[in-house]
Amino acid sequence: MINYRRCLSCRRLAPKSEFLRVVRSHPDQRIEINQGMGRSAYLCPTPECLGVAQRKNRLAKAIKAPVPQQVYQQLWQHLPQYSEAKLS
């Protein structure tokens, strides 16, 4: 059975393997990308969706915690990997 998730920016429904996962881990409240257990939010790996999430503060609202600027920098660095993986 395929697990579907929804992008918090564009609201696209797709298998969760197609998304970037942002996690507020439990119990230490650290914010991690694509790892850990805790409250999660999913984003399409596109500049458009990440830009909207950052501009409208949607990530912080979804995981119910402030998102530091370095987490956004890490997310922007993940984007080229996803576009290269889709091409191959």
PDB file of N, CA and C in Angstrom:
ATOM      1  N   MET A   1       0.846  -1.185   0.000  1.00  0.00           N
ATOM      2  CA  MET A   1       0.000   0.000   0.000  1.00  0.00           C
ATOM      3  C   MET A   1       0.892   1.249   0.000  1.00  0.00           C
ATOM      4  N   ILE A   2       0.567   2.201  -0.836  1.00  0.00           N
ATOM      5  CA  ILE A   2       1.342   3.432  -0.966  1.00  0.00           C
ATOM      6  C   ILE A   2       0.824   4.458   0.050  1.00  0.00           C
ATOM      7  N   ASN A   3       1.768   5.087   0.753  1.00  0.00           N
ATOM      8  CA  ASN A   3       1.414   6.155   1.688  1.00  0.00           C
ATOM      9  C   ASN A   3       1.438   7.490   0.966  1.00  0.00           C
ATOM     10  N   TYR A   4       0.300   8.166   0.943  1.00  0.00           N
ATOM     11  CA  TYR A   4       0.194   9.457   0.289  1.00  0.00           C
ATOM     12  C   TYR A   4       0.290  10.581   1.306  1.00  0.00           C
ATOM     13  N   ARG A   5       0.881  11.686   0.883  1.00  0.00           N
ATOM     14  CA  ARG A   5       0.979  12.886   1.702  1.00  0.00           C
ATOM     15  C   ARG A   5       0.617  14.087   0.835  1.00  0.00           C
ATOM     16  N   ARG A   6       0.413  15.245   1.484  1.00  0.00           N
ATOM     17  CA  ARG A   6       0.021  16.460   0.778  1.00  0.00           C
ATOM     18  C   ARG A   6       1.064  17.537   1.020  1.00  0.00           C
ATOM     19  N   CYS A   7       1.467  18.222  -0.064  1.00  0.00           N
ATOM     20  CA  CYS A   7       2.414  19.334   0.035  1.00  0.00           C
ATOM     21  C   CYS A   7       1.735  20.486   0.772  1.00  0.00           C
ATOM     22  N   LEU A   8       2.446  21.085   1.727  1.00  0.00           N
ATOM     23  CA  LEU A   8       1.819  22.168   2.483  1.00  0.00           C
ATOM     24  C   LEU A   8       1.774  23.471   1.709  1.00  0.00           C
ATOM     25  N   SER A   9       2.450  23.555   0.569  1.00  0.00           N
ATOM     26  CA  SER A   9       2.392  24.777  -0.244  1.00  0.00           C
ATOM     27  C   SER A   9       1.349  24.683  -1.352  1.00  0.00           C
ATOM     28  N   CYS A  10       1.512  23.702  -2.238  1.00  0.00           N
ATOM     29  CA  CYS A  10       0.621  23.624  -3.406  1.00  0.00           C
ATOM     30  C   CYS A  10      -0.552  22.669  -3.208  1.00  0.00           C
ATOM     31  N   ARG A  11      -0.519  21.899  -2.100  1.00  0.00           N
ATOM     32  CA  ARG A  11      -1.593  20.965  -1.739  1.00  0.00           C
ATOM     33  C   ARG A  11      -1.662  19.740  -2.661  1.00  0.00           C
ATOM     34  N   ARG A  12      -0.605  19.477  -3.421  1.00  0.00           N
ATOM     35  CA  ARG A  12      -0.572  18.303  -4.306  1.00  0.00           C
ATOM     36  C   ARG A  12      -0.505  17.038  -3.465  1.00  0.00           C
ATOM     37  N   LEU A  13      -1.265  16.028  -3.841  1.00  0.00           N
ATOM     38  CA  LEU A  13      -1.280  14.737  -3.174  1.00  0.00           C
ATOM     39  C   LEU A  13      -0.419  13.779  -3.981  1.00  0.00           C
ATOM     40  N   ALA A  14       0.546  13.121  -3.319  1.00  0.00           N
ATOM     41  CA  ALA A  14       1.453  12.211  -4.013  1.00  0.00           C
ATOM     42  C   ALA A  14       2.054  11.239  -3.005  1.00  0.00           C
ATOM     43  N   PRO A  15       2.697  10.166  -3.483  1.00  0.00           N
ATOM     44  CA  PRO A  15       3.394   9.266  -2.554  1.00  0.00           C
ATOM     45  C   PRO A  15       4.440  10.031  -1.750  1.00  0.00           C
ATOM     46  N   LYS A  16       4.589   9.686  -0.488  1.00  0.00           N
ATOM     47  CA  LYS A  16       5.460  10.465   0.382  1.00  0.00           C
ATOM     48  C   LYS A  16       6.912  10.443  -0.043  1.00  0.00           C
ATOM     49  N   SER A  17       7.325   9.470  -0.840  1.00  0.00           N
ATOM     50  CA  SER A  17       8.711   9.411  -1.321  1.00  0.00           C
ATOM     51  C   SER A  17       9.048  10.554  -2.274  1.00  0.00           C
ATOM     52  N   GLU A  18       8.041  11.230  -2.816  1.00  0.00           N
ATOM     53  CA  GLU A  18       8.268  12.335  -3.745  1.00  0.00           C
ATOM     54  C   GLU A  18       8.466  13.678  -3.046  1.00  0.00           C
ATOM     55  N   PHE A  19       8.344  13.717  -1.732  1.00  0.00           N
ATOM     56  CA  PHE A  19       8.404  14.970  -0.991  1.00  0.00           C
ATOM     57  C   PHE A  19       9.656  15.090  -0.134  1.00  0.00           C
ATOM     58  N   LEU A  20       9.977  16.327   0.213  1.00  0.00           N
ATOM     59  CA  LEU A  20      10.930  16.604   1.287  1.00  0.00           C
ATOM     60  C   LEU A  20      10.140  16.545   2.585  1.00  0.00           C
ATOM     61  N   ARG A  21      10.709  15.916   3.599  1.00  0.00           N
ATOM     62  CA  ARG A  21      10.019  15.800   4.886  1.00  0.00           C
ATOM     63  C   ARG A  21      10.768  16.626   5.922  1.00  0.00           C
ATOM     64  N   VAL A  22      10.059  17.521   6.583  1.00  0.00           N
ATOM     65  CA  VAL A  22      10.629  18.354   7.643  1.00  0.00           C
ATOM     66  C   VAL A  22      10.015  17.873   8.949  1.00  0.00           C
ATOM     67  N   VAL A  23      10.876  17.545   9.911  1.00  0.00           N
ATOM     68  CA  VAL A  23      10.423  16.914  11.152  1.00  0.00           C
ATOM     69  C   VAL A  23      10.860  17.729  12.361  1.00  0.00           C
ATOM     70  N   ARG A  24       9.930  17.997  13.262  1.00  0.00           N
ATOM     71  CA  ARG A  24      10.281  18.507  14.586  1.00  0.00           C
ATOM     72  C   ARG A  24      10.367  17.273  15.470  1.00  0.00           C
ATOM     73  N   SER A  25      11.608  16.872  15.779  1.00  0.00           N
ATOM     74  CA  SER A  25      11.808  15.600  16.471  1.00  0.00           C
ATOM     75  C   SER A  25      11.379  15.685  17.924  1.00  0.00           C
ATOM     76  N   HIS A  26      11.020  14.528  18.429  1.00  0.00           N
ATOM     77  CA  HIS A  26      10.566  14.417  19.812  1.00  0.00           C
ATOM     78  C   HIS A  26      11.631  13.653  20.575  1.00  0.00           C
ATOM     79  N   PRO A  27      12.025  13.970  21.746  1.00  0.00           N
ATOM     80  CA  PRO A  27      11.560  15.026  22.639  1.00  0.00           C
ATOM     81  C   PRO A  27      12.410  16.290  22.600  1.00  0.00           C
ATOM     82  N   ASP A  28      13.500  16.307  21.823  1.00  0.00           N
ATOM     83  CA  ASP A  28      14.437  17.439  21.898  1.00  0.00           C
ATOM     84  C   ASP A  28      14.048  18.649  21.060  1.00  0.00           C
ATOM     85  N   GLN A  29      12.968  18.559  20.273  1.00  0.00           N
ATOM     86  CA  GLN A  29      12.424  19.682  19.503  1.00  0.00           C
ATOM     87  C   GLN A  29      13.344  20.195  18.398  1.00  0.00           C
ATOM     88  N   ARG A  30      14.353  19.403  17.989  1.00  0.00           N
ATOM     89  CA  ARG A  30      15.211  19.808  16.868  1.00  0.00           C
ATOM     90  C   ARG A  30      14.426  19.653  15.566  1.00  0.00           C
ATOM     91  N   ILE A  31      14.794  20.454  14.576  1.00  0.00           N
ATOM     92  CA  ILE A  31      14.149  20.362  13.269  1.00  0.00           C
ATOM     93  C   ILE A  31      15.132  19.706  12.321  1.00  0.00           C
ATOM     94  N   GLU A  32      14.693  18.607  11.704  1.00  0.00           N
ATOM     95  CA  GLU A  32      15.539  17.815  10.816  1.00  0.00           C
ATOM     96  C   GLU A  32      14.848  17.638   9.475  1.00  0.00           C
ATOM     97  N   ILE A  33      15.637  17.252   8.480  1.00  0.00           N
ATOM     98  CA  ILE A  33      15.113  17.051   7.131  1.00  0.00           C
ATOM     99  C   ILE A  33      15.246  15.579   6.768  1.00  0.00           C
ATOM    100  N   ASN A  34      14.125  14.974   6.371  1.00  0.00           N
ATOM    101  CA  ASN A  34      14.064  13.593   5.898  1.00  0.00           C
ATOM    102  C   ASN A  34      14.523  12.551   6.905  1.00  0.00           C
ATOM    103  N   GLN A  35      14.494  12.838   8.200  1.00  0.00           N
ATOM    104  CA  GLN A  35      14.867  11.830   9.190  1.00  0.00           C
ATOM    105  C   GLN A  35      14.241  12.145  10.533  1.00  0.00           C
ATOM    106  N   GLY A  36      14.168  11.134  11.367  1.00  0.00           N
ATOM    107  CA  GLY A  36      13.655  11.322  12.716  1.00  0.00           C
ATOM    108  C   GLY A  36      12.173  11.035  12.831  1.00  0.00           C
ATOM    109  N   MET A  37      11.722  11.008  14.085  1.00  0.00           N
ATOM    110  CA  MET A  37      10.311  10.788  14.378  1.00  0.00           C
ATOM    111  C   MET A  37       9.780  12.009  15.098  1.00  0.00           C
ATOM    112  N   GLY A  38       8.556  12.351  14.798  1.00  0.00           N
ATOM    113  CA  GLY A  38       7.938  13.502  15.427  1.00  0.00           C
ATOM    114  C   GLY A  38       6.923  14.133  14.500  1.00  0.00           C
ATOM    115  N   ARG A  39       6.604  15.382  14.745  1.00  0.00           N
ATOM    116  CA  ARG A  39       5.630  16.108  13.920  1.00  0.00           C
ATOM    117  C   ARG A  39       6.265  16.444  12.574  1.00  0.00           C
ATOM    118  N   SER A  40       5.606  16.068  11.480  1.00  0.00           N
ATOM    119  CA  SER A  40       6.177  16.222  10.146  1.00  0.00           C
ATOM    120  C   SER A  40       5.334  17.114   9.249  1.00  0.00           C
ATOM    121  N   ALA A  41       6.013  17.691   8.272  1.00  0.00           N
ATOM    122  CA  ALA A  41       5.361  18.442   7.200  1.00  0.00           C
ATOM    123  C   ALA A  41       6.052  18.035   5.911  1.00  0.00           C
ATOM    124  N   TYR A  42       5.335  18.031   4.824  1.00  0.00           N
ATOM    125  CA  TYR A  42       5.865  17.588   3.537  1.00  0.00           C
ATOM    126  C   TYR A  42       5.816  18.715   2.529  1.00  0.00           C
ATOM    127  N   LEU A  43       6.875  18.795   1.709  1.00  0.00           N
ATOM    128  CA  LEU A  43       7.004  19.832   0.680  1.00  0.00           C
ATOM    129  C   LEU A  43       7.426  19.212  -0.632  1.00  0.00           C
ATOM    130  N   CYS A  44       6.845  19.687  -1.725  1.00  0.00           N
ATOM    131  CA  CYS A  44       7.355  19.307  -3.047  1.00  0.00           C
ATOM    132  C   CYS A  44       8.789  19.831  -3.154  1.00  0.00           C
ATOM    133  N   PRO A  45       9.689  19.074  -3.764  1.00  0.00           N
ATOM    134  CA  PRO A  45      11.073  19.540  -3.900  1.00  0.00           C
ATOM    135  C   PRO A  45      11.233  20.502  -5.078  1.00  0.00           C
ATOM    136  N   THR A  46      10.463  21.583  -5.057  1.00  0.00           N
ATOM    137  CA  THR A  46      10.543  22.585  -6.115  1.00  0.00           C
ATOM    138  C   THR A  46      10.800  23.953  -5.493  1.00  0.00           C
ATOM    139  N   PRO A  47      11.471  24.847  -6.219  1.00  0.00           N
ATOM    140  CA  PRO A  47      11.703  26.193  -5.699  1.00  0.00           C
ATOM    141  C   PRO A  47      10.406  26.950  -5.413  1.00  0.00           C
ATOM    142  N   GLU A  48       9.373  26.698  -6.207  1.00  0.00           N
ATOM    143  CA  GLU A  48       8.108  27.399  -6.018  1.00  0.00           C
ATOM    144  C   GLU A  48       7.474  27.052  -4.671  1.00  0.00           C
ATOM    145  N   CYS A  49       7.382  25.758  -4.372  1.00  0.00           N
ATOM    146  CA  CYS A  49       6.748  25.331  -3.116  1.00  0.00           C
ATOM    147  C   CYS A  49       7.579  25.739  -1.905  1.00  0.00           C
ATOM    148  N   LEU A  50       8.887  25.609  -1.999  1.00  0.00           N
ATOM    149  CA  LEU A  50       9.734  26.008  -0.872  1.00  0.00           C
ATOM    150  C   LEU A  50       9.666  27.518  -0.654  1.00  0.00           C
ATOM    151  N   GLY A  51       9.637  28.282  -1.733  1.00  0.00           N
ATOM    152  CA  GLY A  51       9.536  29.735  -1.619  1.00  0.00           C
ATOM    153  C   GLY A  51       8.247  30.175  -0.946  1.00  0.00           C
ATOM    154  N   VAL A  52       7.121  29.558  -1.322  1.00  0.00           N
ATOM    155  CA  VAL A  52       5.829  29.888  -0.714  1.00  0.00           C
ATOM    156  C   VAL A  52       5.832  29.502   0.765  1.00  0.00           C
ATOM    157  N   ALA A  53       6.353  28.325   1.078  1.00  0.00           N
ATOM    158  CA  ALA A  53       6.388  27.867   2.472  1.00  0.00           C
ATOM    159  C   ALA A  53       7.217  28.814   3.337  1.00  0.00           C
ATOM    160  N   GLN A  54       8.324  29.294   2.796  1.00  0.00           N
ATOM    161  CA  GLN A  54       9.191  30.196   3.549  1.00  0.00           C
ATOM    162  C   GLN A  54       8.556  31.577   3.676  1.00  0.00           C
ATOM    163  N   ARG A  55       8.039  32.094   2.581  1.00  0.00           N
ATOM    164  CA  ARG A  55       7.467  33.444   2.569  1.00  0.00           C
ATOM    165  C   ARG A  55       6.232  33.548   3.470  1.00  0.00           C
ATOM    166  N   LYS A  56       5.386  32.524   3.461  1.00  0.00           N
ATOM    167  CA  LYS A  56       4.141  32.565   4.228  1.00  0.00           C
ATOM    168  C   LYS A  56       4.249  31.856   5.578  1.00  0.00           C
ATOM    169  N   ASN A  57       5.464  31.435   5.944  1.00  0.00           N
ATOM    170  CA  ASN A  57       5.732  30.811   7.237  1.00  0.00           C
ATOM    171  C   ASN A  57       4.915  29.533   7.454  1.00  0.00           C
ATOM    172  N   ARG A  58       4.635  28.804   6.385  1.00  0.00           N
ATOM    173  CA  ARG A  58       3.789  27.620   6.483  1.00  0.00           C
ATOM    174  C   ARG A  58       4.463  26.462   7.199  1.00  0.00           C
ATOM    175  N   LEU A  59       5.770  26.343   7.057  1.00  0.00           N
ATOM    176  CA  LEU A  59       6.468  25.256   7.752  1.00  0.00           C
ATOM    177  C   LEU A  59       6.345  25.395   9.257  1.00  0.00           C
ATOM    178  N   ALA A  60       6.575  26.585   9.765  1.00  0.00           N
ATOM    179  CA  ALA A  60       6.491  26.812  11.211  1.00  0.00           C
ATOM    180  C   ALA A  60       5.079  26.522  11.727  1.00  0.00           C
ATOM    181  N   LYS A  61       4.076  26.900  10.964  1.00  0.00           N
ATOM    182  CA  LYS A  61       2.698  26.642  11.378  1.00  0.00           C
ATOM    183  C   LYS A  61       2.398  25.144  11.376  1.00  0.00           C
ATOM    184  N   ALA A  62       2.917  24.429  10.379  1.00  0.00           N
ATOM    185  CA  ALA A  62       2.625  23.000  10.258  1.00  0.00           C
ATOM    186  C   ALA A  62       3.296  22.171  11.345  1.00  0.00           C
ATOM    187  N   ILE A  63       4.537  22.509  11.677  1.00  0.00           N
ATOM    188  CA  ILE A  63       5.230  21.715  12.703  1.00  0.00           C
ATOM    189  C   ILE A  63       5.118  22.333  14.094  1.00  0.00           C
ATOM    190  N   LYS A  64       4.429  23.466  14.171  1.00  0.00           N
ATOM    191  CA  LYS A  64       4.153  24.152  15.442  1.00  0.00           C
ATOM    192  C   LYS A  64       5.426  24.491  16.212  1.00  0.00           C
ATOM    193  N   ALA A  65       6.396  25.037  15.474  1.00  0.00           N
ATOM    194  CA  ALA A  65       7.659  25.473  16.078  1.00  0.00           C
ATOM    195  C   ALA A  65       8.320  26.464  15.130  1.00  0.00           C
ATOM    196  N   PRO A  66       9.091  27.412  15.660  1.00  0.00           N
ATOM    197  CA  PRO A  66       9.813  28.330  14.776  1.00  0.00           C
ATOM    198  C   PRO A  66      10.874  27.576  13.969  1.00  0.00           C
ATOM    199  N   VAL A  67      11.011  27.964  12.702  1.00  0.00           N
ATOM    200  CA  VAL A  67      11.979  27.313  11.817  1.00  0.00           C
ATOM    201  C   VAL A  67      13.162  28.245  11.616  1.00  0.00           C
ATOM    202  N   PRO A  68      14.361  27.845  12.083  1.00  0.00           N
ATOM    203  CA  PRO A  68      15.542  28.701  11.915  1.00  0.00           C
ATOM    204  C   PRO A  68      15.925  28.860  10.448  1.00  0.00           C
ATOM    205  N   GLN A  69      16.594  29.945  10.152  1.00  0.00           N
ATOM    206  CA  GLN A  69      17.010  30.241   8.779  1.00  0.00           C
ATOM    207  C   GLN A  69      17.917  29.149   8.215  1.00  0.00           C
ATOM    208  N   GLN A  70      18.763  28.524   9.055  1.00  0.00           N
ATOM    209  CA  GLN A  70      19.665  27.487   8.549  1.00  0.00           C
ATOM    210  C   GLN A  70      18.916  26.251   8.056  1.00  0.00           C
ATOM    211  N   VAL A  71      17.715  25.990   8.588  1.00  0.00           N
ATOM    212  CA  VAL A  71      16.897  24.874   8.085  1.00  0.00           C
ATOM    213  C   VAL A  71      16.436  25.187   6.657  1.00  0.00           C
ATOM    214  N   TYR A  72      16.027  26.429   6.421  1.00  0.00           N
ATOM    215  CA  TYR A  72      15.641  26.814   5.057  1.00  0.00           C
ATOM    216  C   TYR A  72      16.838  26.713   4.114  1.00  0.00           C
ATOM    217  N   GLN A  73      18.016  27.089   4.575  1.00  0.00           N
ATOM    218  CA  GLN A  73      19.218  26.971   3.737  1.00  0.00           C
ATOM    219  C   GLN A  73      19.484  25.507   3.388  1.00  0.00           C
ATOM    220  N   GLN A  74      19.308  24.610   4.346  1.00  0.00           N
ATOM    221  CA  GLN A  74      19.492  23.180   4.079  1.00  0.00           C
ATOM    222  C   GLN A  74      18.458  22.689   3.065  1.00  0.00           C
ATOM    223  N   LEU A  75      17.214  23.150   3.199  1.00  0.00           N
ATOM    224  CA  LEU A  75      16.173  22.748   2.251  1.00  0.00           C
ATOM    225  C   LEU A  75      16.506  23.216   0.839  1.00  0.00           C
ATOM    226  N   TRP A  76      16.980  24.459   0.703  1.00  0.00           N
ATOM    227  CA  TRP A  76      17.354  24.961  -0.619  1.00  0.00           C
ATOM    228  C   TRP A  76      18.499  24.126  -1.201  1.00  0.00           C
ATOM    229  N   GLN A  77      19.404  23.652  -0.354  1.00  0.00           N
ATOM    230  CA  GLN A  77      20.515  22.826  -0.829  1.00  0.00           C
ATOM    231  C   GLN A  77      20.041  21.435  -1.261  1.00  0.00           C
ATOM    232  N   HIS A  78      18.932  20.949  -0.706  1.00  0.00           N
ATOM    233  CA  HIS A  78      18.391  19.646  -1.082  1.00  0.00           C
ATOM    234  C   HIS A  78      17.725  19.662  -2.464  1.00  0.00           C
ATOM    235  N   LEU A  79      17.289  20.821  -2.922  1.00  0.00           N
ATOM    236  CA  LEU A  79      16.536  20.887  -4.185  1.00  0.00           C
ATOM    237  C   LEU A  79      17.297  20.354  -5.390  1.00  0.00           C
ATOM    238  N   PRO A  80      18.568  20.688  -5.608  1.00  0.00           N
ATOM    239  CA  PRO A  80      19.262  20.165  -6.786  1.00  0.00           C
ATOM    240  C   PRO A  80      19.333  18.632  -6.787  1.00  0.00           C
ATOM    241  N   GLN A  81      19.490  18.010  -5.632  1.00  0.00           N
ATOM    242  CA  GLN A  81      19.537  16.554  -5.548  1.00  0.00           C
ATOM    243  C   GLN A  81      18.263  15.935  -6.085  1.00  0.00           C
ATOM    244  N   TYR A  82      17.125  16.500  -5.692  1.00  0.00           N
ATOM    245  CA  TYR A  82      15.844  15.938  -6.110  1.00  0.00           C
ATOM    246  C   TYR A  82      15.627  16.110  -7.606  1.00  0.00           C
ATOM    247  N   SER A  83      15.983  17.252  -8.164  1.00  0.00           N
ATOM    248  CA  SER A  83      15.771  17.447  -9.599  1.00  0.00           C
ATOM    249  C   SER A  83      16.704  16.540 -10.398  1.00  0.00           C
ATOM    250  N   GLU A  84      17.934  16.301  -9.932  1.00  0.00           N
ATOM    251  CA  GLU A  84      18.851  15.390 -10.619  1.00  0.00           C
ATOM    252  C   GLU A  84      18.343  13.947 -10.539  1.00  0.00           C
ATOM    253  N   ALA A  85      17.792  13.556  -9.391  1.00  0.00           N
ATOM    254  CA  ALA A  85      17.289  12.200  -9.224  1.00  0.00           C
ATOM    255  C   ALA A  85      16.085  11.941 -10.140  1.00  0.00           C
ATOM    256  N   LYS A  86      15.247  12.947 -10.334  1.00  0.00           N
ATOM    257  CA  LYS A  86      14.082  12.804 -11.203  1.00  0.00           C
ATOM    258  C   LYS A  86      14.503  12.638 -12.672  1.00  0.00           C
ATOM    259  N   LEU A  87      15.599  13.299 -13.068  1.00  0.00           N
ATOM    260  CA  LEU A  87      16.055  13.228 -14.447  1.00  0.00           C
ATOM    261  C   LEU A  87      16.666  11.875 -14.786  1.00  0.00           C
ATOM    262  N   SER A  88      17.265  11.201 -13.812  1.00  0.00           N
ATOM    263  CA  SER A  88      17.920   9.923 -14.112  1.00  0.00           C
ATOM    264  C   SER A  88      16.995   8.750 -13.998  1.00  0.00           C
TER     265      SER A  88
END
